[in-house]
Amino acid sequence: MMDPKLLDDLAKRVAGSLPGSIQLLQQDLQKNLRSALESGLSHLDLVTREEFDVQSAVLARTREKLERLEQQVAELEQARKKSGE
């Protein structure tokens, strides 16, 4: 989930960029913008940077293991061909 402070900051920036006449409603607008942002972002399949880094490390280890296994299979196939000759 996104950091609530980040959502507040984003809503504040959007509300602050509106024309002066609309800024009178700034607090209400910020609350509504934050709610809309939170709702919209909750529908996205987002992960934290930490979760991404953990999964990247798992994927790297899996790739290394797969490469080792592919090499072992190739070596076994070569040995089988030689012994079958």
PDB file of N, CA and C in Angstrom:
ATOM      1  N   MET A   1       0.840  -1.185   0.000  1.00  0.00           N
ATOM      2  CA  MET A   1       0.000   0.000   0.000  1.00  0.00           C
ATOM      3  C   MET A   1       0.878   1.238   0.000  1.00  0.00           C
ATOM      4  N   MET A   2       0.382   2.287  -0.593  1.00  0.00           N
ATOM      5  CA  MET A   2       1.154   3.524  -0.666  1.00  0.00           C
ATOM      6  C   MET A   2       1.189   4.229   0.674  1.00  0.00           C
ATOM      7  N   ASP A   3       2.221   4.987   0.876  1.00  0.00           N
ATOM      8  CA  ASP A   3       2.403   5.760   2.084  1.00  0.00           C
ATOM      9  C   ASP A   3       1.318   6.839   2.162  1.00  0.00           C
ATOM     10  N   PRO A   4       0.542   6.884   3.256  1.00  0.00           N
ATOM     11  CA  PRO A   4      -0.512   7.895   3.391  1.00  0.00           C
ATOM     12  C   PRO A   4       0.034   9.321   3.297  1.00  0.00           C
ATOM     13  N   LYS A   5       1.250   9.541   3.787  1.00  0.00           N
ATOM     14  CA  LYS A   5       1.849  10.870   3.718  1.00  0.00           C
ATOM     15  C   LYS A   5       2.067  11.297   2.264  1.00  0.00           C
ATOM     16  N   LEU A   6       2.453  10.322   1.436  1.00  0.00           N
ATOM     17  CA  LEU A   6       2.660  10.595   0.017  1.00  0.00           C
ATOM     18  C   LEU A   6       1.342  10.988  -0.642  1.00  0.00           C
ATOM     19  N   LEU A   7       0.262  10.285  -0.296  1.00  0.00           N
ATOM     20  CA  LEU A   7      -1.046  10.628  -0.840  1.00  0.00           C
ATOM     21  C   LEU A   7      -1.481  12.021  -0.398  1.00  0.00           C
ATOM     22  N   ASP A   8      -1.272  12.342   0.887  1.00  0.00           N
ATOM     23  CA  ASP A   8      -1.623  13.674   1.391  1.00  0.00           C
ATOM     24  C   ASP A   8      -0.849  14.753   0.648  1.00  0.00           C
ATOM     25  N   ASP A   9       0.450  14.507   0.462  1.00  0.00           N
ATOM     26  CA  ASP A   9       1.299  15.477  -0.227  1.00  0.00           C
ATOM     27  C   ASP A   9       0.852  15.674  -1.676  1.00  0.00           C
ATOM     28  N   LEU A  10       0.543  14.584  -2.345  1.00  0.00           N
ATOM     29  CA  LEU A  10       0.098  14.665  -3.730  1.00  0.00           C
ATOM     30  C   LEU A  10      -1.228  15.410  -3.842  1.00  0.00           C
ATOM     31  N   ALA A  11      -2.162  15.100  -2.947  1.00  0.00           N
ATOM     32  CA  ALA A  11      -3.453  15.787  -2.953  1.00  0.00           C
ATOM     33  C   ALA A  11      -3.279  17.276  -2.662  1.00  0.00           C
ATOM     34  N   LYS A  12      -2.368  17.592  -1.756  1.00  0.00           N
ATOM     35  CA  LYS A  12      -2.106  18.997  -1.405  1.00  0.00           C
ATOM     36  C   LYS A  12      -1.528  19.752  -2.603  1.00  0.00           C
ATOM     37  N   ARG A  13      -0.619  19.101  -3.324  1.00  0.00           N
ATOM     38  CA  ARG A  13      -0.019  19.746  -4.496  1.00  0.00           C
ATOM     39  C   ARG A  13      -1.046  19.995  -5.594  1.00  0.00           C
ATOM     40  N   VAL A  14      -1.881  19.001  -5.840  1.00  0.00           N
ATOM     41  CA  VAL A  14      -2.906  19.158  -6.877  1.00  0.00           C
ATOM     42  C   VAL A  14      -3.874  20.278  -6.489  1.00  0.00           C
ATOM     43  N   ALA A  15      -4.312  20.261  -5.233  1.00  0.00           N
ATOM     44  CA  ALA A  15      -5.241  21.295  -4.770  1.00  0.00           C
ATOM     45  C   ALA A  15      -4.578  22.673  -4.814  1.00  0.00           C
ATOM     46  N   GLY A  16      -3.301  22.744  -4.500  1.00  0.00           N
ATOM     47  CA  GLY A  16      -2.583  24.017  -4.508  1.00  0.00           C
ATOM     48  C   GLY A  16      -2.350  24.572  -5.898  1.00  0.00           C
ATOM     49  N   SER A  17      -2.419  23.723  -6.908  1.00  0.00           N
ATOM     50  CA  SER A  17      -2.172  24.184  -8.273  1.00  0.00           C
ATOM     51  C   SER A  17      -3.440  24.706  -8.947  1.00  0.00           C
ATOM     52  N   LEU A  18      -4.556  24.621  -8.256  1.00  0.00           N
ATOM     53  CA  LEU A  18      -5.816  25.092  -8.831  1.00  0.00           C
ATOM     54  C   LEU A  18      -5.930  26.606  -8.729  1.00  0.00           C
ATOM     55  N   PRO A  19      -6.761  27.215  -9.569  1.00  0.00           N
ATOM     56  CA  PRO A  19      -6.947  28.671  -9.524  1.00  0.00           C
ATOM     57  C   PRO A  19      -7.423  29.130  -8.149  1.00  0.00           C
ATOM     58  N   GLY A  20      -7.128  30.379  -7.820  1.00  0.00           N
ATOM     59  CA  GLY A  20      -7.433  30.953  -6.511  1.00  0.00           C
ATOM     60  C   GLY A  20      -8.878  30.825  -6.087  1.00  0.00           C
ATOM     61  N   SER A  21      -9.794  31.019  -7.009  1.00  0.00           N
ATOM     62  CA  SER A  21     -11.209  30.953  -6.637  1.00  0.00           C
ATOM     63  C   SER A  21     -11.609  29.567  -6.167  1.00  0.00           C
ATOM     64  N   ILE A  22     -10.965  28.560  -6.690  1.00  0.00           N
ATOM     65  CA  ILE A  22     -11.267  27.189  -6.297  1.00  0.00           C
ATOM     66  C   ILE A  22     -10.519  26.822  -5.019  1.00  0.00           C
ATOM     67  N   GLN A  23      -9.396  27.494  -4.762  1.00  0.00           N
ATOM     68  CA  GLN A  23      -8.589  27.169  -3.595  1.00  0.00           C
ATOM     69  C   GLN A  23      -9.313  27.463  -2.290  1.00  0.00           C
ATOM     70  N   LEU A  24     -10.390  28.243  -2.344  1.00  0.00           N
ATOM     71  CA  LEU A  24     -11.167  28.492  -1.135  1.00  0.00           C
ATOM     72  C   LEU A  24     -11.724  27.176  -0.596  1.00  0.00           C
ATOM     73  N   LEU A  25     -11.934  26.268  -1.460  1.00  0.00           N
ATOM     74  CA  LEU A  25     -12.453  24.956  -1.077  1.00  0.00           C
ATOM     75  C   LEU A  25     -11.317  23.959  -0.887  1.00  0.00           C
ATOM     76  N   GLN A  26     -10.112  24.476  -0.698  1.00  0.00           N
ATOM     77  CA  GLN A  26      -8.902  23.662  -0.717  1.00  0.00           C
ATOM     78  C   GLN A  26      -8.936  22.476   0.249  1.00  0.00           C
ATOM     79  N   GLN A  27      -9.321  22.686   1.485  1.00  0.00           N
ATOM     80  CA  GLN A  27      -9.294  21.595   2.459  1.00  0.00           C
ATOM     81  C   GLN A  27     -10.244  20.476   2.047  1.00  0.00           C
ATOM     82  N   ASP A  28     -11.446  20.845   1.647  1.00  0.00           N
ATOM     83  CA  ASP A  28     -12.413  19.842   1.210  1.00  0.00           C
ATOM     84  C   ASP A  28     -11.915  19.145  -0.057  1.00  0.00           C
ATOM     85  N   LEU A  29     -11.338  19.944  -0.949  1.00  0.00           N
ATOM     86  CA  LEU A  29     -10.816  19.411  -2.194  1.00  0.00           C
ATOM     87  C   LEU A  29      -9.666  18.430  -1.930  1.00  0.00           C
ATOM     88  N   GLN A  30      -8.777  18.797  -1.001  1.00  0.00           N
ATOM     89  CA  GLN A  30      -7.659  17.912  -0.661  1.00  0.00           C
ATOM     90  C   GLN A  30      -8.173  16.573  -0.147  1.00  0.00           C
ATOM     91  N   LYS A  31      -9.165  16.622   0.707  1.00  0.00           N
ATOM     92  CA  LYS A  31      -9.718  15.394   1.274  1.00  0.00           C
ATOM     93  C   LYS A  31     -10.325  14.526   0.171  1.00  0.00           C
ATOM     94  N   ASN A  32     -11.069  15.169  -0.732  1.00  0.00           N
ATOM     95  CA  ASN A  32     -11.691  14.416  -1.820  1.00  0.00           C
ATOM     96  C   ASN A  32     -10.656  13.883  -2.808  1.00  0.00           C
ATOM     97  N   LEU A  33      -9.639  14.690  -3.104  1.00  0.00           N
ATOM     98  CA  LEU A  33      -8.576  14.237  -4.004  1.00  0.00           C
ATOM     99  C   LEU A  33      -7.814  13.060  -3.404  1.00  0.00           C
ATOM    100  N   ARG A  34      -7.526  13.155  -2.113  1.00  0.00           N
ATOM    101  CA  ARG A  34      -6.806  12.076  -1.445  1.00  0.00           C
ATOM    102  C   ARG A  34      -7.620  10.793  -1.507  1.00  0.00           C
ATOM    103  N   SER A  35      -8.892  10.907  -1.240  1.00  0.00           N
ATOM    104  CA  SER A  35      -9.772   9.743  -1.286  1.00  0.00           C
ATOM    105  C   SER A  35      -9.814   9.142  -2.697  1.00  0.00           C
ATOM    106  N   ALA A  36      -9.917  10.016  -3.705  1.00  0.00           N
ATOM    107  CA  ALA A  36      -9.961   9.546  -5.093  1.00  0.00           C
ATOM    108  C   ALA A  36      -8.634   8.886  -5.482  1.00  0.00           C
ATOM    109  N   LEU A  37      -7.522   9.485  -5.084  1.00  0.00           N
ATOM    110  CA  LEU A  37      -6.208   8.907  -5.380  1.00  0.00           C
ATOM    111  C   LEU A  37      -6.049   7.548  -4.707  1.00  0.00           C
ATOM    112  N   GLU A  38      -6.420   7.487  -3.444  1.00  0.00           N
ATOM    113  CA  GLU A  38      -6.286   6.243  -2.697  1.00  0.00           C
ATOM    114  C   GLU A  38      -7.136   5.143  -3.332  1.00  0.00           C
ATOM    115  N   SER A  39      -8.348   5.498  -3.725  1.00  0.00           N
ATOM    116  CA  SER A  39      -9.237   4.533  -4.354  1.00  0.00           C
ATOM    117  C   SER A  39      -8.665   4.059  -5.694  1.00  0.00           C
ATOM    118  N   GLY A  40      -8.205   5.002  -6.505  1.00  0.00           N
ATOM    119  CA  GLY A  40      -7.646   4.655  -7.809  1.00  0.00           C
ATOM    120  C   GLY A  40      -6.392   3.817  -7.700  1.00  0.00           C
ATOM    121  N   LEU A  41      -5.522   4.173  -6.783  1.00  0.00           N
ATOM    122  CA  LEU A  41      -4.266   3.439  -6.628  1.00  0.00           C
ATOM    123  C   LEU A  41      -4.475   2.066  -6.004  1.00  0.00           C
ATOM    124  N   SER A  42      -5.533   1.915  -5.213  1.00  0.00           N
ATOM    125  CA  SER A  42      -5.778   0.612  -4.589  1.00  0.00           C
ATOM    126  C   SER A  42      -6.159  -0.435  -5.632  1.00  0.00           C
ATOM    127  N   HIS A  43      -6.641   0.005  -6.780  1.00  0.00           N
ATOM    128  CA  HIS A  43      -7.010  -0.928  -7.842  1.00  0.00           C
ATOM    129  C   HIS A  43      -5.799  -1.380  -8.657  1.00  0.00           C
ATOM    130  N   LEU A  44      -4.690  -0.689  -8.508  1.00  0.00           N
ATOM    131  CA  LEU A  44      -3.472  -1.061  -9.229  1.00  0.00           C
ATOM    132  C   LEU A  44      -2.744  -2.152  -8.459  1.00  0.00           C
ATOM    133  N   ASP A  45      -2.017  -2.966  -9.167  1.00  0.00           N
ATOM    134  CA  ASP A  45      -1.263  -4.044  -8.553  1.00  0.00           C
ATOM    135  C   ASP A  45       0.158  -3.551  -8.268  1.00  0.00           C
ATOM    136  N   LEU A  46       0.293  -2.730  -7.220  1.00  0.00           N
ATOM    137  CA  LEU A  46       1.571  -2.124  -6.883  1.00  0.00           C
ATOM    138  C   LEU A  46       2.249  -2.869  -5.745  1.00  0.00           C
ATOM    139  N   VAL A  47       3.559  -2.854  -5.751  1.00  0.00           N
ATOM    140  CA  VAL A  47       4.329  -3.433  -4.656  1.00  0.00           C
ATOM    141  C   VAL A  47       5.316  -2.383  -4.159  1.00  0.00           C
ATOM    142  N   THR A  48       5.782  -2.572  -2.933  1.00  0.00           N
ATOM    143  CA  THR A  48       6.778  -1.656  -2.395  1.00  0.00           C
ATOM    144  C   THR A  48       8.129  -1.953  -3.044  1.00  0.00           C
ATOM    145  N   ARG A  49       9.033  -1.036  -2.912  1.00  0.00           N
ATOM    146  CA  ARG A  49      10.378  -1.224  -3.458  1.00  0.00           C
ATOM    147  C   ARG A  49      11.045  -2.424  -2.795  1.00  0.00           C
ATOM    148  N   GLU A  50      10.825  -2.559  -1.487  1.00  0.00           N
ATOM    149  CA  GLU A  50      11.410  -3.670  -0.742  1.00  0.00           C
ATOM    150  C   GLU A  50      10.898  -5.010  -1.279  1.00  0.00           C
ATOM    151  N   GLU A  51       9.590  -5.111  -1.507  1.00  0.00           N
ATOM    152  CA  GLU A  51       9.030  -6.344  -2.054  1.00  0.00           C
ATOM    153  C   GLU A  51       9.594  -6.627  -3.446  1.00  0.00           C
ATOM    154  N   PHE A  52       9.741  -5.573  -4.245  1.00  0.00           N
ATOM    155  CA  PHE A  52      10.298  -5.724  -5.585  1.00  0.00           C
ATOM    156  C   PHE A  52      11.728  -6.243  -5.523  1.00  0.00           C
ATOM    157  N   ASP A  53      12.539  -5.660  -4.631  1.00  0.00           N
ATOM    158  CA  ASP A  53      13.939  -6.079  -4.500  1.00  0.00           C
ATOM    159  C   ASP A  53      14.050  -7.526  -4.033  1.00  0.00           C
ATOM    160  N   VAL A  54      13.181  -7.931  -3.100  1.00  0.00           N
ATOM    161  CA  VAL A  54      13.198  -9.310  -2.618  1.00  0.00           C
ATOM    162  C   VAL A  54      12.868 -10.261  -3.766  1.00  0.00           C
ATOM    163  N   GLN A  55      11.835  -9.957  -4.527  1.00  0.00           N
ATOM    164  CA  GLN A  55      11.440 -10.823  -5.635  1.00  0.00           C
ATOM    165  C   GLN A  55      12.495 -10.846  -6.741  1.00  0.00           C
ATOM    166  N   SER A  56      13.170  -9.719  -6.958  1.00  0.00           N
ATOM    167  CA  SER A  56      14.253  -9.682  -7.948  1.00  0.00           C
ATOM    168  C   SER A  56      15.392 -10.605  -7.533  1.00  0.00           C
ATOM    169  N   ALA A  57      15.716 -10.610  -6.239  1.00  0.00           N
ATOM    170  CA  ALA A  57      16.778 -11.485  -5.738  1.00  0.00           C
ATOM    171  C   ALA A  57      16.380 -12.953  -5.883  1.00  0.00           C
ATOM    172  N   VAL A  58      15.134 -13.267  -5.573  1.00  0.00           N
ATOM    173  CA  VAL A  58      14.645 -14.647  -5.724  1.00  0.00           C
ATOM    174  C   VAL A  58      14.734 -15.066  -7.190  1.00  0.00           C
ATOM    175  N   LEU A  59      14.326 -14.195  -8.081  1.00  0.00           N
ATOM    176  CA  LEU A  59      14.380 -14.497  -9.511  1.00  0.00           C
ATOM    177  C   LEU A  59      15.818 -14.715  -9.978  1.00  0.00           C
ATOM    178  N   ALA A  60      16.746 -13.895  -9.499  1.00  0.00           N
ATOM    179  CA  ALA A  60      18.147 -14.057  -9.889  1.00  0.00           C
ATOM    180  C   ALA A  60      18.689 -15.409  -9.434  1.00  0.00           C
ATOM    181  N   ARG A  61      18.370 -15.794  -8.187  1.00  0.00           N
ATOM    182  CA  ARG A  61      18.829 -17.105  -7.689  1.00  0.00           C
ATOM    183  C   ARG A  61      18.199 -18.241  -8.497  1.00  0.00           C
ATOM    184  N   THR A  62      16.953 -18.103  -8.845  1.00  0.00           N
ATOM    185  CA  THR A  62      16.257 -19.125  -9.627  1.00  0.00           C
ATOM    186  C   THR A  62      16.884 -19.258 -11.009  1.00  0.00           C
ATOM    187  N   ARG A  63      17.213 -18.137 -11.630  1.00  0.00           N
ATOM    188  CA  ARG A  63      17.862 -18.177 -12.949  1.00  0.00           C
ATOM    189  C   ARG A  63      19.215 -18.881 -12.874  1.00  0.00           C
ATOM    190  N   GLU A  64      19.998 -18.576 -11.822  1.00  0.00           N
ATOM    191  CA  GLU A  64      21.301 -19.216 -11.658  1.00  0.00           C
ATOM    192  C   GLU A  64      21.145 -20.729 -11.504  1.00  0.00           C
ATOM    193  N   LYS A  65      20.174 -21.131 -10.695  1.00  0.00           N
ATOM    194  CA  LYS A  65      19.939 -22.560 -10.492  1.00  0.00           C
ATOM    195  C   LYS A  65      19.499 -23.220 -11.795  1.00  0.00           C
ATOM    196  N   LEU A  66      18.633 -22.559 -12.545  1.00  0.00           N
ATOM    197  CA  LEU A  66      18.175 -23.089 -13.823  1.00  0.00           C
ATOM    198  C   LEU A  66      19.348 -23.256 -14.787  1.00  0.00           C
ATOM    199  N   GLU A  67      20.240 -22.297 -14.845  1.00  0.00           N
ATOM    200  CA  GLU A  67      21.400 -22.386 -15.724  1.00  0.00           C
ATOM    201  C   GLU A  67      22.298 -23.560 -15.332  1.00  0.00           C
ATOM    202  N   ARG A  68      22.483 -23.747 -14.005  1.00  0.00           N
ATOM    203  CA  ARG A  68      23.297 -24.892 -13.548  1.00  0.00           C
ATOM    204  C   ARG A  68      22.638 -26.211 -13.939  1.00  0.00           C
ATOM    205  N   LEU A  69      21.324 -26.295 -13.762  1.00  0.00           N
ATOM    206  CA  LEU A  69      20.610 -27.522 -14.111  1.00  0.00           C
ATOM    207  C   LEU A  69      20.645 -27.782 -15.616  1.00  0.00           C
ATOM    208  N   GLU A  70      20.519 -26.730 -16.415  1.00  0.00           N
ATOM    209  CA  GLU A  70      20.608 -26.897 -17.865  1.00  0.00           C
ATOM    210  C   GLU A  70      21.983 -27.424 -18.258  1.00  0.00           C
ATOM    211  N   GLN A  71      23.008 -26.920 -17.609  1.00  0.00           N
ATOM    212  CA  GLN A  71      24.368 -27.377 -17.885  1.00  0.00           C
ATOM    213  C   GLN A  71      24.530 -28.846 -17.505  1.00  0.00           C
ATOM    214  N   GLN A  72      23.986 -29.217 -16.350  1.00  0.00           N
ATOM    215  CA  GLN A  72      24.067 -30.617 -15.918  1.00  0.00           C
ATOM    216  C   GLN A  72      23.338 -31.538 -16.893  1.00  0.00           C
ATOM    217  N   VAL A  73      22.175 -31.123 -17.363  1.00  0.00           N
ATOM    218  CA  VAL A  73      21.419 -31.933 -18.325  1.00  0.00           C
ATOM    219  C   VAL A  73      22.225 -32.093 -19.615  1.00  0.00           C
ATOM    220  N   ALA A  74      22.829 -31.004 -20.080  1.00  0.00           N
ATOM    221  CA  ALA A  74      23.634 -31.072 -21.307  1.00  0.00           C
ATOM    222  C   ALA A  74      24.807 -32.031 -21.119  1.00  0.00           C
ATOM    223  N   GLU A  75      25.450 -31.978 -19.956  1.00  0.00           N
ATOM    224  CA  GLU A  75      26.580 -32.868 -19.690  1.00  0.00           C
ATOM    225  C   GLU A  75      26.121 -34.336 -19.637  1.00  0.00           C
ATOM    226  N   LEU A  76      24.981 -34.581 -18.998  1.00  0.00           N
ATOM    227  CA  LEU A  76      24.452 -35.947 -18.926  1.00  0.00           C
ATOM    228  C   LEU A  76      24.076 -36.473 -20.305  1.00  0.00           C
ATOM    229  N   GLU A  77      23.512 -35.609 -21.134  1.00  0.00           N
ATOM    230  CA  GLU A  77      23.162 -36.017 -22.501  1.00  0.00           C
ATOM    231  C   GLU A  77      24.406 -36.359 -23.299  1.00  0.00           C
ATOM    232  N   GLN A  78      25.462 -35.556 -23.130  1.00  0.00           N
ATOM    233  CA  GLN A  78      26.727 -35.835 -23.824  1.00  0.00           C
ATOM    234  C   GLN A  78      27.304 -37.167 -23.348  1.00  0.00           C
ATOM    235  N   ALA A  79      27.276 -37.380 -22.040  1.00  0.00           N
ATOM    236  CA  ALA A  79      27.820 -38.639 -21.488  1.00  0.00           C
ATOM    237  C   ALA A  79      27.011 -39.836 -21.994  1.00  0.00           C
ATOM    238  N   ARG A  80      25.720 -39.690 -22.095  1.00  0.00           N
ATOM    239  CA  ARG A  80      24.862 -40.780 -22.585  1.00  0.00           C
ATOM    240  C   ARG A  80      25.146 -41.076 -24.038  1.00  0.00           C
ATOM    241  N   LYS A  81      25.349 -40.020 -24.834  1.00  0.00           N
ATOM    242  CA  LYS A  81      25.660 -40.233 -26.260  1.00  0.00           C
ATOM    243  C   LYS A  81      26.987 -40.956 -26.413  1.00  0.00           C
ATOM    244  N   LYS A  82      27.982 -40.576 -25.604  1.00  0.00           N
ATOM    245  CA  LYS A  82      29.301 -41.199 -25.699  1.00  0.00           C
ATOM    246  C   LYS A  82      29.249 -42.672 -25.261  1.00  0.00           C
ATOM    247  N   SER A  83      28.480 -42.942 -24.232  1.00  0.00           N
ATOM    248  CA  SER A  83      28.410 -44.325 -23.740  1.00  0.00           C
ATOM    249  C   SER A  83      27.568 -45.198 -24.665  1.00  0.00           C
ATOM    250  N   GLY A  84      26.699 -44.594 -25.472  1.00  0.00           N
ATOM    251  CA  GLY A  84      25.873 -45.344 -26.392  1.00  0.00           C
ATOM    252  C   GLY A  84      26.558 -45.623 -27.720  1.00  0.00           C
ATOM    253  N   GLU A  85      27.654 -44.989 -27.951  1.00  0.00           N
ATOM    254  CA  GLU A  85      28.359 -45.166 -29.247  1.00  0.00           C
ATOM    255  C   GLU A  85      29.056 -46.486 -29.323  1.00  0.00           C
TER     256      GLU A  85
END
